[in-house]
Every structure is written in C-alpha cells, then in structure tokens.
C-alpha cells in the first residue's frame, strides 16, 4: 500500500473519471489539490481479472479519493463493452452501444417486433399470421369483434426513431362481411385513415411516422355486426 499526493484539474476529473463507489458529486469546475490513494486495486469483471489500459497501452491504476474509487471512463467503457465519446463543447461524456457513444438507431422490421404494443384493449392481439384475401400475412395485429361500438386500438412507443410504416390491412377470411376504418394517430394527430370493405382485397398502406413518439392504431367497424380485421406491417 502506498499513497501519492498531487494537484490535478477538477474539470479533468469530472470528464475523465467515473465514481465506482459512493462519494461526493462535483458539479463545478476549477482546480483543487487532493490526496490520491493507490492500493493496487484490481478489477474483476464477471469473474475474470481485467487489466485497465489507456489508448497507448499503458496500465491505468484506479485510485481512491475522498472515500470513492475512480477509474477513467474510457477504460470502464471498454471493460463493459460500451463506446465512449467526449463532447468538449458541452463537457459531456456519452456512454452507449453506438459507435460514437450515442444511442444506435433501431433497426426496424416487423412492427409487432420492433415496436410491439405497450397497451391495447380486449379486441387487439398480436398473432403470428392471418389469412386475408386467400393469402397468409405474417406478424399481424388482429382486431377481433370490432363494430361501431367496440373500437379496437393499440399503442406503440416509437420514440421518434422511425420514419415509415408499410404493410397491408384487410378483413380476415371467414369473418363477418362488414367494413371498417383503420386509423393511425401520431402523438394524438391523425396521420392516415383507410376504409376496408368486407369484399375488398387487403389494401397496401404507407404511413409517415417521422418524429412520432406515440403511435395509436384504431379499428372502427361500420355496423353493429362484429367482424375481424388485421394489419401486417413493417417499420423503418
């Protein structure tokens, strides 16, 4: 065990190190003379010894200051498989899975998988497939027992990360032959609306969801007779 005393720039500490134990949080900038304690601290991650090194390959030793253990952010990011980006203009360290230290964009895919409903009513369910117009459509949202009184709906959290929904809507084969209207709302604003006749083939749809955080899909029947409709869509 040994102790080293040195002066260092507190702003440097704020942007370069991360607290690994409970301690004082610094919100100011400036300089301070401090006592740093080195104890040959070891890092064990998931049972494996990890040797922290800087970008030049030099071993970086954690130290203790004011009862808290410190380690360079970039080293810790490497240890846990995260990428680090330092923004000097805002004095901010970004830690994430993104290549530049920011949150990576969603990859998209089937709507039911990329942005599954976080809320829905009793008429709505996510199904593996549905038969519409004699063809099988996959990854569908099914609205069953919908009529002019029983309105089906689902809510999806898009987080403002997507641009477009494409797919097909239609009456499920064998369901009662009535029509319905399928509506898409983005953050409470009507984006698109389609009416499906009971005798129509599945209709292709495209919905611009650029910047939308909350998506609501609504199915409204045109009569008291209940029928079943389905949406098969992808999002990107």
C-alpha atoms as a PDB file:
ATOM      1  CA  UNK A   1       0.000   0.000   0.000  1.00  0.00           C
ATOM      2  CA  UNK A   2       1.269   3.481  -0.767  1.00  0.00           C
ATOM      3  CA  UNK A   3      -0.045   6.995  -1.130  1.00  0.00           C
ATOM      4  CA  UNK A   4       0.635   9.664  -3.742  1.00  0.00           C
ATOM      5  CA  UNK A   5      -0.230  13.326  -3.352  1.00  0.00           C
ATOM      6  CA  UNK A   6      -0.600  15.518  -6.413  1.00  0.00           C
ATOM      7  CA  UNK A   7      -2.540  18.526  -7.681  1.00  0.00           C
ATOM      8  CA  UNK A   8      -4.889  17.998 -10.609  1.00  0.00           C
ATOM      9  CA  UNK A   9      -7.583  19.859 -12.518  1.00  0.00           C
ATOM     10  CA  UNK A  10     -11.039  19.100 -11.148  1.00  0.00           C
ATOM     11  CA  UNK A  11     -12.638  19.666 -14.571  1.00  0.00           C
ATOM     12  CA  UNK A  12     -10.367  16.908 -15.862  1.00  0.00           C
ATOM     13  CA  UNK A  13     -11.556  14.579 -13.118  1.00  0.00           C
ATOM     14  CA  UNK A  14     -15.202  15.347 -13.867  1.00  0.00           C
ATOM     15  CA  UNK A  15     -14.901  14.401 -17.534  1.00  0.00           C
ATOM     16  CA  UNK A  16     -12.341  11.627 -17.295  1.00  0.00           C
ATOM     17  CA  UNK A  17     -13.272   9.522 -14.311  1.00  0.00           C
ATOM     18  CA  UNK A  18     -16.393   7.815 -13.073  1.00  0.00           C
ATOM     19  CA  UNK A  19     -17.294   7.062  -9.489  1.00  0.00           C
ATOM     20  CA  UNK A  20     -17.203   3.362  -8.661  1.00  0.00           C
ATOM     21  CA  UNK A  21     -18.338   3.790  -5.069  1.00  0.00           C
ATOM     22  CA  UNK A  22     -20.448   6.247  -3.111  1.00  0.00           C
ATOM     23  CA  UNK A  23     -18.798   9.654  -2.835  1.00  0.00           C
ATOM     24  CA  UNK A  24     -19.094  13.371  -3.416  1.00  0.00           C
ATOM     25  CA  UNK A  25     -20.527  14.545  -6.748  1.00  0.00           C
ATOM     26  CA  UNK A  26     -18.754  17.554  -8.266  1.00  0.00           C
ATOM     27  CA  UNK A  27     -20.776  19.941 -10.422  1.00  0.00           C
ATOM     28  CA  UNK A  28     -18.301  22.821 -10.559  1.00  0.00           C
ATOM     29  CA  UNK A  29     -15.114  23.441 -12.477  1.00  0.00           C
ATOM     30  CA  UNK A  30     -11.756  24.700 -11.285  1.00  0.00           C
ATOM     31  CA  UNK A  31      -8.673  23.252  -9.629  1.00  0.00           C
ATOM     32  CA  UNK A  32      -8.029  21.556  -6.320  1.00  0.00           C
ATOM     33  CA  UNK A  33      -5.101  19.980  -4.520  1.00  0.00           C
ATOM     34  CA  UNK A  34      -6.027  16.442  -3.495  1.00  0.00           C
ATOM     35  CA  UNK A  35      -4.600  13.337  -1.922  1.00  0.00           C
ATOM     36  CA  UNK A  36      -4.969  10.246  -4.105  1.00  0.00           C
ATOM     37  CA  UNK A  37      -4.612   6.832  -2.528  1.00  0.00           C
ATOM     38  CA  UNK A  38      -3.317   3.912  -4.613  1.00  0.00           C
ATOM     39  CA  UNK A  39      -3.796   0.396  -3.234  1.00  0.00           C
ATOM     40  CA  UNK A  40      -3.027  -1.809  -6.219  1.00  0.00           C
ATOM     41  CA  UNK A  41      -6.780  -2.041  -6.817  1.00  0.00           C
ATOM     42  CA  UNK A  42      -7.811  -4.923  -9.076  1.00  0.00           C
ATOM     43  CA  UNK A  43     -10.838  -5.139 -11.386  1.00  0.00           C
ATOM     44  CA  UNK A  44     -12.696  -8.426 -11.684  1.00  0.00           C
ATOM     45  CA  UNK A  45     -15.493  -8.475 -14.267  1.00  0.00           C
ATOM     46  CA  UNK A  46     -17.822 -11.481 -14.335  1.00  0.00           C
ATOM     47  CA  UNK A  47     -15.178 -13.485 -12.524  1.00  0.00           C
ATOM     48  CA  UNK A  48     -12.293 -12.550 -14.853  1.00  0.00           C
ATOM     49  CA  UNK A  49      -9.406 -10.252 -13.935  1.00  0.00           C
ATOM     50  CA  UNK A  50      -9.375  -7.143 -16.141  1.00  0.00           C
ATOM     51  CA  UNK A  51      -6.251  -5.006 -16.576  1.00  0.00           C
ATOM     52  CA  UNK A  52      -7.238  -1.411 -17.425  1.00  0.00           C
ATOM     53  CA  UNK A  53      -5.056   0.294 -20.030  1.00  0.00           C
ATOM     54  CA  UNK A  54      -5.151   3.662 -21.758  1.00  0.00           C
ATOM     55  CA  UNK A  55      -5.172   4.276 -25.531  1.00  0.00           C
ATOM     56  CA  UNK A  56      -1.365   3.950 -25.615  1.00  0.00           C
ATOM     57  CA  UNK A  57      -1.451   0.561 -23.909  1.00  0.00           C
ATOM     58  CA  UNK A  58      -0.187   1.815 -20.552  1.00  0.00           C
ATOM     59  CA  UNK A  59      -1.678   0.249 -17.434  1.00  0.00           C
ATOM     60  CA  UNK A  60      -4.062   2.626 -15.668  1.00  0.00           C
ATOM     61  CA  UNK A  61      -4.338   2.134 -11.927  1.00  0.00           C
ATOM     62  CA  UNK A  62      -7.595   3.005 -10.145  1.00  0.00           C
ATOM     63  CA  UNK A  63      -7.242   5.330  -7.178  1.00  0.00           C
ATOM     64  CA  UNK A  64      -9.204   6.379  -4.128  1.00  0.00           C
ATOM     65  CA  UNK A  65     -10.110   9.988  -3.456  1.00  0.00           C
ATOM     66  CA  UNK A  66     -12.282  11.153  -0.572  1.00  0.00           C
ATOM     67  CA  UNK A  67     -13.527   7.618   0.075  1.00  0.00           C
ATOM     68  CA  UNK A  68     -14.573   6.885  -3.534  1.00  0.00           C
ATOM     69  CA  UNK A  69     -12.779   4.740  -6.108  1.00  0.00           C
ATOM     70  CA  UNK A  70     -12.117   6.312  -9.517  1.00  0.00           C
ATOM     71  CA  UNK A  71     -11.312   4.881 -12.934  1.00  0.00           C
ATOM     72  CA  UNK A  72     -11.065   6.567 -16.373  1.00  0.00           C
ATOM     73  CA  UNK A  73     -14.411   6.471 -18.151  1.00  0.00           C
ATOM     74  CA  UNK A  74     -12.929   5.148 -21.382  1.00  0.00           C
ATOM     75  CA  UNK A  75     -11.328   2.238 -19.560  1.00  0.00           C
ATOM     76  CA  UNK A  76     -14.571   1.367 -17.804  1.00  0.00           C
ATOM     77  CA  UNK A  77     -16.474   1.612 -21.091  1.00  0.00           C
ATOM     78  CA  UNK A  78     -14.090  -0.849 -22.685  1.00  0.00           C
ATOM     79  CA  UNK A  79     -14.481  -3.186 -19.726  1.00  0.00           C
ATOM     80  CA  UNK A  80     -18.274  -3.322 -20.037  1.00  0.00           C
ATOM     81  CA  UNK A  81     -18.360  -3.314 -23.845  1.00  0.00           C
ATOM     82  CA  UNK A  82     -19.596   0.257 -24.293  1.00  0.00           C
ATOM     83  CA  UNK A  83     -18.359   3.014 -26.587  1.00  0.00           C
ATOM     84  CA  UNK A  84     -17.316   6.391 -25.203  1.00  0.00           C
ATOM     85  CA  UNK A  85     -17.495   9.854 -26.772  1.00  0.00           C
ATOM     86  CA  UNK A  86     -16.286  13.088 -25.160  1.00  0.00           C
ATOM     87  CA  UNK A  87     -18.033  16.305 -26.246  1.00  0.00           C
ATOM     88  CA  UNK A  88     -15.755  19.192 -25.295  1.00  0.00           C
ATOM     89  CA  UNK A  89     -18.322  21.868 -26.158  1.00  0.00           C
ATOM     90  CA  UNK A  90     -20.890  20.627 -23.635  1.00  0.00           C
ATOM     91  CA  UNK A  91     -18.409  18.909 -21.275  1.00  0.00           C
ATOM     92  CA  UNK A  92     -20.364  15.676 -21.623  1.00  0.00           C
ATOM     93  CA  UNK A  93     -19.285  12.039 -21.690  1.00  0.00           C
ATOM     94  CA  UNK A  94     -21.571   9.807 -23.780  1.00  0.00           C
ATOM     95  CA  UNK A  95     -21.617   6.086 -22.920  1.00  0.00           C
ATOM     96  CA  UNK A  96     -23.684   3.710 -25.088  1.00  0.00           C
ATOM     97  CA  UNK A  97     -23.696   0.890 -27.610  1.00  0.00           C
ATOM     98  CA  UNK A  98     -23.490   3.319 -30.542  1.00  0.00           C
ATOM     99  CA  UNK A  99     -20.230   3.600 -32.457  1.00  0.00           C
ATOM    100  CA  UNK A 100     -19.866   7.273 -31.499  1.00  0.00           C
ATOM    101  CA  UNK A 101     -21.062   6.875 -27.932  1.00  0.00           C
ATOM    102  CA  UNK A 102     -24.673   7.763 -28.773  1.00  0.00           C
ATOM    103  CA  UNK A 103     -27.748   5.541 -28.790  1.00  0.00           C
ATOM    104  CA  UNK A 104     -27.845   3.463 -32.002  1.00  0.00           C
ATOM    105  CA  UNK A 105     -30.878   3.827 -34.239  1.00  0.00           C
ATOM    106  CA  UNK A 106     -33.395   0.966 -34.128  1.00  0.00           C
ATOM    107  CA  UNK A 107     -33.006  -1.486 -36.982  1.00  0.00           C
ATOM    108  CA  UNK A 108     -36.735  -1.705 -37.706  1.00  0.00           C
ATOM    109  CA  UNK A 109     -38.502  -4.787 -39.042  1.00  0.00           C
ATOM    110  CA  UNK A 110     -41.936  -6.156 -38.280  1.00  0.00           C
ATOM    111  CA  UNK A 111     -43.988  -3.593 -36.344  1.00  0.00           C
ATOM    112  CA  UNK A 112     -45.091  -6.247 -33.835  1.00  0.00           C
ATOM    113  CA  UNK A 113     -41.441  -6.995 -33.021  1.00  0.00           C
ATOM    114  CA  UNK A 114     -39.684  -3.626 -33.425  1.00  0.00           C
ATOM    115  CA  UNK A 115     -42.373  -1.641 -31.583  1.00  0.00           C
ATOM    116  CA  UNK A 116     -44.856  -4.087 -30.034  1.00  0.00           C
ATOM    117  CA  UNK A 117     -47.991  -2.684 -28.384  1.00  0.00           C
ATOM    118  CA  UNK A 118     -47.331  -1.436 -24.872  1.00  0.00           C
ATOM    119  CA  UNK A 119     -51.079  -1.016 -24.358  1.00  0.00           C
ATOM    120  CA  UNK A 120     -54.211  -2.298 -26.123  1.00  0.00           C
ATOM    121  CA  UNK A 121     -57.835  -3.125 -25.491  1.00  0.00           C
ATOM    122  CA  UNK A 122     -59.538  -6.528 -25.445  1.00  0.00           C
ATOM    123  CA  UNK A 123     -60.172  -6.648 -29.213  1.00  0.00           C
ATOM    124  CA  UNK A 124     -56.494  -6.424 -30.166  1.00  0.00           C
ATOM    125  CA  UNK A 125     -53.870  -9.162 -30.132  1.00  0.00           C
ATOM    126  CA  UNK A 126     -50.527  -9.881 -31.755  1.00  0.00           C
ATOM    127  CA  UNK A 127     -50.633 -13.016 -33.921  1.00  0.00           C
ATOM    128  CA  UNK A 128     -48.032 -14.928 -35.901  1.00  0.00           C
ATOM    129  CA  UNK A 129     -50.144 -14.759 -39.070  1.00  0.00           C
ATOM    130  CA  UNK A 130     -53.596 -14.218 -40.543  1.00  0.00           C
ATOM    131  CA  UNK A 131     -55.316 -15.221 -43.786  1.00  0.00           C
ATOM    132  CA  UNK A 132     -56.589 -12.252 -45.786  1.00  0.00           C
ATOM    133  CA  UNK A 133     -57.801 -12.456 -49.394  1.00  0.00           C
ATOM    134  CA  UNK A 134     -56.646 -16.056 -49.655  1.00  0.00           C
ATOM    135  CA  UNK A 135     -53.023 -15.239 -48.713  1.00  0.00           C
ATOM    136  CA  UNK A 136     -51.123 -15.607 -45.450  1.00  0.00           C
ATOM    137  CA  UNK A 137     -49.747 -12.406 -43.912  1.00  0.00           C
ATOM    138  CA  UNK A 138     -47.232 -12.617 -41.065  1.00  0.00           C
ATOM    139  CA  UNK A 139     -46.561 -10.682 -37.859  1.00  0.00           C
ATOM    140  CA  UNK A 140     -50.042  -9.236 -37.628  1.00  0.00           C
ATOM    141  CA  UNK A 141     -52.073  -7.172 -35.228  1.00  0.00           C
ATOM    142  CA  UNK A 142     -55.548  -8.706 -35.165  1.00  0.00           C
ATOM    143  CA  UNK A 143     -58.640  -6.711 -34.202  1.00  0.00           C
ATOM    144  CA  UNK A 144     -61.396  -9.206 -33.373  1.00  0.00           C
ATOM    145  CA  UNK A 145     -65.033  -8.483 -32.562  1.00  0.00           C
ATOM    146  CA  UNK A 146     -64.826  -4.895 -33.819  1.00  0.00           C
ATOM    147  CA  UNK A 147     -68.005  -2.980 -34.646  1.00  0.00           C
ATOM    148  CA  UNK A 148     -69.327   0.575 -34.456  1.00  0.00           C
ATOM    149  CA  UNK A 149     -69.402   0.398 -30.660  1.00  0.00           C
ATOM    150  CA  UNK A 150     -66.450  -1.877 -29.871  1.00  0.00           C
ATOM    151  CA  UNK A 151     -63.430   0.022 -31.161  1.00  0.00           C
ATOM    152  CA  UNK A 152     -60.089  -1.774 -31.266  1.00  0.00           C
ATOM    153  CA  UNK A 153     -56.825   0.008 -30.560  1.00  0.00           C
ATOM    154  CA  UNK A 154     -53.135  -0.467 -29.818  1.00  0.00           C
ATOM    155  CA  UNK A 155     -50.471   1.965 -28.589  1.00  0.00           C
ATOM    156  CA  UNK A 156     -46.820   1.771 -29.673  1.00  0.00           C
ATOM    157  CA  UNK A 157     -43.773   3.655 -28.392  1.00  0.00           C
ATOM    158  CA  UNK A 158     -41.755   4.703 -31.455  1.00  0.00           C
ATOM    159  CA  UNK A 159     -39.530   7.091 -29.523  1.00  0.00           C
ATOM    160  CA  UNK A 160     -39.243   9.408 -32.534  1.00  0.00           C
ATOM    161  CA  UNK A 161     -36.794   6.912 -34.058  1.00  0.00           C
ATOM    162  CA  UNK A 162     -38.681   5.704 -37.130  1.00  0.00           C
ATOM    163  CA  UNK A 163     -39.768   7.202 -40.422  1.00  0.00           C
ATOM    164  CA  UNK A 164     -42.231   4.937 -42.201  1.00  0.00           C
ATOM    165  CA  UNK A 165     -44.709   2.087 -41.720  1.00  0.00           C
ATOM    166  CA  UNK A 166     -45.645  -0.025 -44.728  1.00  0.00           C
ATOM    167  CA  UNK A 167     -47.831  -3.082 -44.994  1.00  0.00           C
ATOM    168  CA  UNK A 168     -51.363  -4.359 -45.602  1.00  0.00           C
ATOM    169  CA  UNK A 169     -54.717  -4.127 -43.848  1.00  0.00           C
ATOM    170  CA  UNK A 170     -57.736  -6.278 -44.560  1.00  0.00           C
ATOM    171  CA  UNK A 171     -60.672  -8.319 -43.296  1.00  0.00           C
ATOM    172  CA  UNK A 172     -59.661 -11.725 -42.015  1.00  0.00           C
ATOM    173  CA  UNK A 173     -61.028 -14.521 -44.217  1.00  0.00           C
ATOM    174  CA  UNK A 174     -64.143 -16.120 -42.783  1.00  0.00           C
ATOM    175  CA  UNK A 175     -65.067 -13.147 -40.595  1.00  0.00           C
ATOM    176  CA  UNK A 176     -68.403 -11.397 -40.898  1.00  0.00           C
ATOM    177  CA  UNK A 177     -68.571  -9.415 -44.155  1.00  0.00           C
ATOM    178  CA  UNK A 178     -68.734  -5.831 -42.869  1.00  0.00           C
ATOM    179  CA  UNK A 179     -66.453  -2.854 -43.439  1.00  0.00           C
ATOM    180  CA  UNK A 180     -64.218  -0.953 -41.036  1.00  0.00           C
ATOM    181  CA  UNK A 181     -61.966   2.065 -40.846  1.00  0.00           C
ATOM    182  CA  UNK A 182     -58.358   1.738 -39.718  1.00  0.00           C
ATOM    183  CA  UNK A 183     -56.791   4.954 -38.454  1.00  0.00           C
ATOM    184  CA  UNK A 184     -53.221   5.839 -37.480  1.00  0.00           C
ATOM    185  CA  UNK A 185     -52.511   8.620 -34.959  1.00  0.00           C
ATOM    186  CA  UNK A 186     -49.102  10.083 -34.194  1.00  0.00           C
ATOM    187  CA  UNK A 187     -48.890  11.869 -30.844  1.00  0.00           C
ATOM    188  CA  UNK A 188     -52.658  12.420 -30.978  1.00  0.00           C
ATOM    189  CA  UNK A 189     -52.744  13.722 -34.562  1.00  0.00           C
ATOM    190  CA  UNK A 190     -54.491  11.731 -37.319  1.00  0.00           C
ATOM    191  CA  UNK A 191     -51.842  10.608 -39.815  1.00  0.00           C
ATOM    192  CA  UNK A 192     -53.699   8.288 -42.190  1.00  0.00           C
ATOM    193  CA  UNK A 193     -57.067   6.550 -42.480  1.00  0.00           C
ATOM    194  CA  UNK A 194     -58.341   3.705 -44.669  1.00  0.00           C
ATOM    195  CA  UNK A 195     -61.788   2.158 -45.012  1.00  0.00           C
ATOM    196  CA  UNK A 196     -61.963  -1.551 -45.772  1.00  0.00           C
ATOM    197  CA  UNK A 197     -64.993  -3.046 -47.450  1.00  0.00           C
ATOM    198  CA  UNK A 198     -65.900  -6.563 -46.448  1.00  0.00           C
ATOM    199  CA  UNK A 199     -65.309  -7.659 -50.041  1.00  0.00           C
ATOM    200  CA  UNK A 200     -62.014  -5.804 -50.602  1.00  0.00           C
ATOM    201  CA  UNK A 201     -58.673  -7.486 -51.063  1.00  0.00           C
ATOM    202  CA  UNK A 202     -56.040  -6.432 -48.478  1.00  0.00           C
ATOM    203  CA  UNK A 203     -55.017  -2.822 -49.027  1.00  0.00           C
ATOM    204  CA  UNK A 204     -51.394  -1.666 -49.162  1.00  0.00           C
ATOM    205  CA  UNK A 205     -50.651   1.163 -46.732  1.00  0.00           C
ATOM    206  CA  UNK A 206     -47.845   3.627 -46.085  1.00  0.00           C
ATOM    207  CA  UNK A 207     -47.753   5.870 -43.022  1.00  0.00           C
ATOM    208  CA  UNK A 208     -45.178   8.610 -42.452  1.00  0.00           C
ATOM    209  CA  UNK A 209     -44.192   8.398 -38.765  1.00  0.00           C
ATOM    210  CA  UNK A 210     -41.178  10.708 -38.857  1.00  0.00           C
ATOM    211  CA  UNK A 211     -40.664  12.178 -35.383  1.00  0.00           C
ATOM    212  CA  UNK A 212     -43.616  10.290 -33.868  1.00  0.00           C
ATOM    213  CA  UNK A 213     -43.186   9.192 -30.262  1.00  0.00           C
ATOM    214  CA  UNK A 214     -46.564   7.582 -29.550  1.00  0.00           C
ATOM    215  CA  UNK A 215     -48.391   5.710 -32.308  1.00  0.00           C
ATOM    216  CA  UNK A 216     -52.031   4.716 -31.902  1.00  0.00           C
ATOM    217  CA  UNK A 217     -53.717   2.306 -34.326  1.00  0.00           C
ATOM    218  CA  UNK A 218     -57.505   2.252 -34.213  1.00  0.00           C
ATOM    219  CA  UNK A 219     -60.046  -0.068 -35.853  1.00  0.00           C
ATOM    220  CA  UNK A 220     -63.698   1.030 -36.030  1.00  0.00           C
ATOM    221  CA  UNK A 221     -66.466  -1.114 -37.523  1.00  0.00           C
ATOM    222  CA  UNK A 222     -69.248   0.467 -39.595  1.00  0.00           C
ATOM    223  CA  UNK A 223     -72.159  -1.535 -38.172  1.00  0.00           C
ATOM    224  CA  UNK A 224     -73.299  -3.333 -35.034  1.00  0.00           C
ATOM    225  CA  UNK A 225     -72.312  -6.663 -36.565  1.00  0.00           C
ATOM    226  CA  UNK A 226     -68.833  -7.599 -35.333  1.00  0.00           C
ATOM    227  CA  UNK A 227     -66.024  -8.617 -37.662  1.00  0.00           C
ATOM    228  CA  UNK A 228     -62.264  -9.228 -37.566  1.00  0.00           C
ATOM    229  CA  UNK A 229     -59.540  -7.224 -39.291  1.00  0.00           C
ATOM    230  CA  UNK A 230     -55.770  -7.486 -39.389  1.00  0.00           C
ATOM    231  CA  UNK A 231     -52.705  -5.329 -40.001  1.00  0.00           C
ATOM    232  CA  UNK A 232     -49.433  -6.764 -41.260  1.00  0.00           C
ATOM    233  CA  UNK A 233     -46.751  -4.093 -41.302  1.00  0.00           C
ATOM    234  CA  UNK A 234     -43.055  -3.318 -41.105  1.00  0.00           C
ATOM    235  CA  UNK A 235     -41.439  -0.184 -39.713  1.00  0.00           C
ATOM    236  CA  UNK A 236     -38.189   1.527 -40.653  1.00  0.00           C
END
